[in-house]
Amino acid sequence: RVYLLDAPTPPDPDAELVEKMARANFELAWPGCDWATWADHTKDRYRTRASAVLAVVREHEATR
């Protein structure tokens, strides 16, 4: 038997865009700091915000 939980998670098509948006926002907040040296839990806060912003933009575009 194959269970849904065993299925691989499909790649997020927005992952690269979200990462770029998160990094850009981070660099605005912390100029001169190196994104690569920060912990994932800190980066995840910026990624979560970037995903939320992207969702709002897409919702807005869909209603045009």
PDB file of N, CA and C in Angstrom:
ATOM      1  N   ARG A   1       0.827  -1.194   0.000  1.00  0.00           N
ATOM      2  CA  ARG A   1       0.000   0.000   0.000  1.00  0.00           C
ATOM      3  C   ARG A   1       0.864   1.248   0.000  1.00  0.00           C
ATOM      4  N   VAL A   2       0.361   2.239  -0.683  1.00  0.00           N
ATOM      5  CA  VAL A   2       1.019   3.541  -0.687  1.00  0.00           C
ATOM      6  C   VAL A   2       0.063   4.531  -0.050  1.00  0.00           C
ATOM      7  N   TYR A   3       0.546   5.208   0.941  1.00  0.00           N
ATOM      8  CA  TYR A   3      -0.260   6.204   1.621  1.00  0.00           C
ATOM      9  C   TYR A   3       0.131   7.593   1.149  1.00  0.00           C
ATOM     10  N   LEU A   4      -0.812   8.496   1.227  1.00  0.00           N
ATOM     11  CA  LEU A   4      -0.563   9.867   0.817  1.00  0.00           C
ATOM     12  C   LEU A   4       0.614  10.473   1.580  1.00  0.00           C
ATOM     13  N   LEU A   5       0.755  10.101   2.837  1.00  0.00           N
ATOM     14  CA  LEU A   5       1.859  10.627   3.638  1.00  0.00           C
ATOM     15  C   LEU A   5       3.221  10.185   3.100  1.00  0.00           C
ATOM     16  N   ASP A   6       3.230   9.081   2.348  1.00  0.00           N
ATOM     17  CA  ASP A   6       4.478   8.576   1.784  1.00  0.00           C
ATOM     18  C   ASP A   6       4.849   9.276   0.484  1.00  0.00           C
ATOM     19  N   ALA A   7       3.905  10.001  -0.096  1.00  0.00           N
ATOM     20  CA  ALA A   7       4.160  10.665  -1.375  1.00  0.00           C
ATOM     21  C   ALA A   7       5.124  11.833  -1.170  1.00  0.00           C
ATOM     22  N   PRO A   8       6.028  12.019  -2.111  1.00  0.00           N
ATOM     23  CA  PRO A   8       6.953  13.151  -1.975  1.00  0.00           C
ATOM     24  C   PRO A   8       6.193  14.473  -2.104  1.00  0.00           C
ATOM     25  N   THR A   9       6.666  15.462  -1.400  1.00  0.00           N
ATOM     26  CA  THR A   9       6.064  16.783  -1.481  1.00  0.00           C
ATOM     27  C   THR A   9       6.491  17.418  -2.797  1.00  0.00           C
ATOM     28  N   PRO A  10       5.519  17.877  -3.586  1.00  0.00           N
ATOM     29  CA  PRO A  10       5.903  18.506  -4.852  1.00  0.00           C
ATOM     30  C   PRO A  10       6.664  19.804  -4.585  1.00  0.00           C
ATOM     31  N   PRO A  11       7.580  20.152  -5.458  1.00  0.00           N
ATOM     32  CA  PRO A  11       8.340  21.384  -5.238  1.00  0.00           C
ATOM     33  C   PRO A  11       7.420  22.603  -5.348  1.00  0.00           C
ATOM     34  N   ASP A  12       7.698  23.597  -4.558  1.00  0.00           N
ATOM     35  CA  ASP A  12       6.913  24.834  -4.576  1.00  0.00           C
ATOM     36  C   ASP A  12       7.368  25.669  -5.762  1.00  0.00           C
ATOM     37  N   PRO A  13       6.486  25.947  -6.709  1.00  0.00           N
ATOM     38  CA  PRO A  13       6.889  26.719  -7.885  1.00  0.00           C
ATOM     39  C   PRO A  13       7.262  28.165  -7.536  1.00  0.00           C
ATOM     40  N   ASP A  14       6.836  28.628  -6.364  1.00  0.00           N
ATOM     41  CA  ASP A  14       7.133  29.998  -5.948  1.00  0.00           C
ATOM     42  C   ASP A  14       8.335  30.104  -5.017  1.00  0.00           C
ATOM     43  N   ALA A  15       8.977  29.000  -4.728  1.00  0.00           N
ATOM     44  CA  ALA A  15      10.049  28.996  -3.727  1.00  0.00           C
ATOM     45  C   ALA A  15      11.170  29.983  -4.059  1.00  0.00           C
ATOM     46  N   GLU A  16      11.594  30.007  -5.299  1.00  0.00           N
ATOM     47  CA  GLU A  16      12.698  30.901  -5.673  1.00  0.00           C
ATOM     48  C   GLU A  16      12.276  32.368  -5.542  1.00  0.00           C
ATOM     49  N   LEU A  17      11.074  32.691  -5.992  1.00  0.00           N
ATOM     50  CA  LEU A  17      10.575  34.060  -5.888  1.00  0.00           C
ATOM     51  C   LEU A  17      10.408  34.475  -4.434  1.00  0.00           C
ATOM     52  N   VAL A  18       9.831  33.617  -3.623  1.00  0.00           N
ATOM     53  CA  VAL A  18       9.643  33.905  -2.201  1.00  0.00           C
ATOM     54  C   VAL A  18      11.001  34.132  -1.532  1.00  0.00           C
ATOM     55  N   GLU A  19      11.974  33.326  -1.862  1.00  0.00           N
ATOM     56  CA  GLU A  19      13.309  33.473  -1.275  1.00  0.00           C
ATOM     57  C   GLU A  19      13.922  34.828  -1.651  1.00  0.00           C
ATOM     58  N   LYS A  20      13.777  35.224  -2.909  1.00  0.00           N
ATOM     59  CA  LYS A  20      14.318  36.521  -3.345  1.00  0.00           C
ATOM     60  C   LYS A  20      13.602  37.675  -2.656  1.00  0.00           C
ATOM     61  N   MET A  21      12.288  37.560  -2.521  1.00  0.00           N
ATOM     62  CA  MET A  21      11.520  38.603  -1.837  1.00  0.00           C
ATOM     63  C   MET A  21      11.908  38.682  -0.365  1.00  0.00           C
ATOM     64  N   ALA A  22      12.069  37.537   0.276  1.00  0.00           N
ATOM     65  CA  ALA A  22      12.441  37.500   1.686  1.00  0.00           C
ATOM     66  C   ALA A  22      13.818  38.127   1.894  1.00  0.00           C
ATOM     67  N   ARG A  23      14.730  37.774   1.032  1.00  0.00           N
ATOM     68  CA  ARG A  23      16.091  38.320   1.150  1.00  0.00           C
ATOM     69  C   ARG A  23      16.105  39.832   0.925  1.00  0.00           C
ATOM     70  N   ALA A  24      15.349  40.295  -0.049  1.00  0.00           N
ATOM     71  CA  ALA A  24      15.291  41.739  -0.320  1.00  0.00           C
ATOM     72  C   ALA A  24      14.725  42.482   0.891  1.00  0.00           C
ATOM     73  N   ASN A  25      13.670  41.937   1.490  1.00  0.00           N
ATOM     74  CA  ASN A  25      13.090  42.562   2.668  1.00  0.00           C
ATOM     75  C   ASN A  25      14.073  42.547   3.831  1.00  0.00           C
ATOM     76  N   PHE A  26      14.766  41.444   4.011  1.00  0.00           N
ATOM     77  CA  PHE A  26      15.785  41.327   5.055  1.00  0.00           C
ATOM     78  C   PHE A  26      16.868  42.387   4.879  1.00  0.00           C
ATOM     79  N   GLU A  27      17.317  42.555   3.649  1.00  0.00           N
ATOM     80  CA  GLU A  27      18.390  43.508   3.377  1.00  0.00           C
ATOM     81  C   GLU A  27      17.943  44.948   3.601  1.00  0.00           C
ATOM     82  N   LEU A  28      16.655  45.226   3.412  1.00  0.00           N
ATOM     83  CA  LEU A  28      16.138  46.556   3.747  1.00  0.00           C
ATOM     84  C   LEU A  28      16.145  46.782   5.256  1.00  0.00           C
ATOM     85  N   ALA A  29      15.786  45.736   5.997  1.00  0.00           N
ATOM     86  CA  ALA A  29      15.722  45.841   7.455  1.00  0.00           C
ATOM     87  C   ALA A  29      17.101  45.822   8.107  1.00  0.00           C
ATOM     88  N   TRP A  30      18.017  45.085   7.524  1.00  0.00           N
ATOM     89  CA  TRP A  30      19.351  44.891   8.110  1.00  0.00           C
ATOM     90  C   TRP A  30      20.441  45.160   7.071  1.00  0.00           C
ATOM     91  N   PRO A  31      20.586  46.406   6.629  1.00  0.00           N
ATOM     92  CA  PRO A  31      21.594  46.702   5.603  1.00  0.00           C
ATOM     93  C   PRO A  31      23.000  46.286   6.060  1.00  0.00           C
ATOM     94  N   GLY A  32      23.697  45.671   5.151  1.00  0.00           N
ATOM     95  CA  GLY A  32      25.069  45.256   5.446  1.00  0.00           C
ATOM     96  C   GLY A  32      25.189  43.897   6.111  1.00  0.00           C
ATOM     97  N   CYS A  33      24.070  43.319   6.546  1.00  0.00           N
ATOM     98  CA  CYS A  33      24.114  41.991   7.166  1.00  0.00           C
ATOM     99  C   CYS A  33      24.055  40.926   6.085  1.00  0.00           C
ATOM    100  N   ASP A  34      24.697  39.803   6.354  1.00  0.00           N
ATOM    101  CA  ASP A  34      24.775  38.714   5.388  1.00  0.00           C
ATOM    102  C   ASP A  34      23.654  37.700   5.636  1.00  0.00           C
ATOM    103  N   TRP A  35      22.726  37.624   4.706  1.00  0.00           N
ATOM    104  CA  TRP A  35      21.594  36.697   4.773  1.00  0.00           C
ATOM    105  C   TRP A  35      22.055  35.277   5.064  1.00  0.00           C
ATOM    106  N   ALA A  36      23.139  34.867   4.444  1.00  0.00           N
ATOM    107  CA  ALA A  36      23.615  33.484   4.564  1.00  0.00           C
ATOM    108  C   ALA A  36      24.022  33.115   5.991  1.00  0.00           C
ATOM    109  N   THR A  37      24.356  34.085   6.805  1.00  0.00           N
ATOM    110  CA  THR A  37      24.841  33.776   8.160  1.00  0.00           C
ATOM    111  C   THR A  37      23.723  33.712   9.197  1.00  0.00           C
ATOM    112  N   TRP A  38      22.503  34.068   8.804  1.00  0.00           N
ATOM    113  CA  TRP A  38      21.397  34.079   9.757  1.00  0.00           C
ATOM    114  C   TRP A  38      20.731  32.707   9.838  1.00  0.00           C
ATOM    115  N   ALA A  39      20.183  32.401  10.997  1.00  0.00           N
ATOM    116  CA  ALA A  39      19.543  31.101  11.240  1.00  0.00           C
ATOM    117  C   ALA A  39      18.247  30.971  10.436  1.00  0.00           C
ATOM    118  N   ASP A  40      17.898  29.727  10.122  1.00  0.00           N
ATOM    119  CA  ASP A  40      16.686  29.463   9.342  1.00  0.00           C
ATOM    120  C   ASP A  40      15.429  29.970  10.023  1.00  0.00           C
ATOM    121  N   HIS A  41      15.358  29.915  11.351  1.00  0.00           N
ATOM    122  CA  HIS A  41      14.136  30.388  12.011  1.00  0.00           C
ATOM    123  C   HIS A  41      13.944  31.891  11.797  1.00  0.00           C
ATOM    124  N   THR A  42      15.024  32.628  11.658  1.00  0.00           N
ATOM    125  CA  THR A  42      14.930  34.061  11.348  1.00  0.00           C
ATOM    126  C   THR A  42      14.539  34.244   9.886  1.00  0.00           C
ATOM    127  N   LYS A  43      15.183  33.511   8.999  1.00  0.00           N
ATOM    128  CA  LYS A  43      14.857  33.597   7.579  1.00  0.00           C
ATOM    129  C   LYS A  43      13.407  33.197   7.324  1.00  0.00           C
ATOM    130  N   ASP A  44      12.913  32.213   8.073  1.00  0.00           N
ATOM    131  CA  ASP A  44      11.543  31.741   7.888  1.00  0.00           C
ATOM    132  C   ASP A  44      10.520  32.837   8.158  1.00  0.00           C
ATOM    133  N   ARG A  45      10.821  33.747   9.082  1.00  0.00           N
ATOM    134  CA  ARG A  45       9.905  34.871   9.324  1.00  0.00           C
ATOM    135  C   ARG A  45       9.786  35.734   8.081  1.00  0.00           C
ATOM    136  N   TYR A  46      10.901  35.985   7.425  1.00  0.00           N
ATOM    137  CA  TYR A  46      10.888  36.787   6.200  1.00  0.00           C
ATOM    138  C   TYR A  46      10.233  36.017   5.048  1.00  0.00           C
ATOM    139  N   ARG A  47      10.451  34.720   4.993  1.00  0.00           N
ATOM    140  CA  ARG A  47       9.812  33.895   3.953  1.00  0.00           C
ATOM    141  C   ARG A  47       8.296  33.866   4.127  1.00  0.00           C
ATOM    142  N   THR A  48       7.832  33.755   5.365  1.00  0.00           N
ATOM    143  CA  THR A  48       6.393  33.745   5.642  1.00  0.00           C
ATOM    144  C   THR A  48       5.756  35.049   5.198  1.00  0.00           C
ATOM    145  N   ARG A  49       6.409  36.154   5.512  1.00  0.00           N
ATOM    146  CA  ARG A  49       5.886  37.463   5.094  1.00  0.00           C
ATOM    147  C   ARG A  49       5.892  37.591   3.577  1.00  0.00           C
ATOM    148  N   ALA A  50       6.945  37.128   2.940  1.00  0.00           N
ATOM    149  CA  ALA A  50       7.027  37.204   1.479  1.00  0.00           C
ATOM    150  C   ALA A  50       5.919  36.374   0.835  1.00  0.00           C
ATOM    151  N   SER A  51       5.644  35.211   1.377  1.00  0.00           N
ATOM    152  CA  SER A  51       4.558  34.369   0.850  1.00  0.00           C
ATOM    153  C   SER A  51       3.217  35.067   1.003  1.00  0.00           C
ATOM    154  N   ALA A  52       3.013  35.738   2.130  1.00  0.00           N
ATOM    155  CA  ALA A  52       1.760  36.458   2.355  1.00  0.00           C
ATOM    156  C   ALA A  52       1.614  37.609   1.370  1.00  0.00           C
ATOM    157  N   VAL A  53       2.679  38.338   1.146  1.00  0.00           N
ATOM    158  CA  VAL A  53       2.642  39.452   0.190  1.00  0.00           C
ATOM    159  C   VAL A  53       2.347  38.934  -1.212  1.00  0.00           C
ATOM    160  N   LEU A  54       2.986  37.857  -1.593  1.00  0.00           N
ATOM    161  CA  LEU A  54       2.758  37.279  -2.917  1.00  0.00           C
ATOM    162  C   LEU A  54       1.299  36.848  -3.078  1.00  0.00           C
ATOM    163  N   ALA A  55       0.725  36.270  -2.037  1.00  0.00           N
ATOM    164  CA  ALA A  55      -0.679  35.858  -2.095  1.00  0.00           C
ATOM    165  C   ALA A  55      -1.599  37.063  -2.279  1.00  0.00           C
ATOM    166  N   VAL A  56      -1.305  38.162  -1.597  1.00  0.00           N
ATOM    167  CA  VAL A  56      -2.124  39.370  -1.740  1.00  0.00           C
ATOM    168  C   VAL A  56      -2.011  39.931  -3.152  1.00  0.00           C
ATOM    169  N   VAL A  57      -0.803  39.962  -3.687  1.00  0.00           N
ATOM    170  CA  VAL A  57      -0.604  40.468  -5.052  1.00  0.00           C
ATOM    171  C   VAL A  57      -1.364  39.605  -6.048  1.00  0.00           C
ATOM    172  N   ARG A  58      -1.292  38.308  -5.897  1.00  0.00           N
ATOM    173  CA  ARG A  58      -1.989  37.417  -6.832  1.00  0.00           C
ATOM    174  C   ARG A  58      -3.506  37.558  -6.702  1.00  0.00           C
ATOM    175  N   GLU A  59      -3.993  37.715  -5.500  1.00  0.00           N
ATOM    176  CA  GLU A  59      -5.433  37.912  -5.309  1.00  0.00           C
ATOM    177  C   GLU A  59      -5.869  39.222  -5.968  1.00  0.00           C
ATOM    178  N   HIS A  60      -5.076  40.253  -5.790  1.00  0.00           N
ATOM    179  CA  HIS A  60      -5.380  41.540  -6.395  1.00  0.00           C
ATOM    180  C   HIS A  60      -5.392  41.439  -7.918  1.00  0.00           C
ATOM    181  N   GLU A  61      -4.400  40.786  -8.473  1.00  0.00           N
ATOM    182  CA  GLU A  61      -4.318  40.626  -9.931  1.00  0.00           C
ATOM    183  C   GLU A  61      -5.471  39.811 -10.480  1.00  0.00           C
ATOM    184  N   ALA A  62      -5.928  38.842  -9.702  1.00  0.00           N
ATOM    185  CA  ALA A  62      -7.029  37.979 -10.162  1.00  0.00           C
ATOM    186  C   ALA A  62      -8.358  38.730 -10.211  1.00  0.00           C
ATOM    187  N   THR A  63      -8.465  39.804  -9.460  1.00  0.00           N
ATOM    188  CA  THR A  63      -9.719  40.553  -9.438  1.00  0.00           C
ATOM    189  C   THR A  63      -9.739  41.705 -10.422  1.00  0.00           C
ATOM    190  N   ARG A  64      -8.697  41.867 -11.191  1.00  0.00           N
ATOM    191  CA  ARG A  64      -8.631  42.962 -12.162  1.00  0.00           C
ATOM    192  C   ARG A  64      -9.400  42.616 -13.405  1.00  0.00           C
TER     193      ARG A  64
END
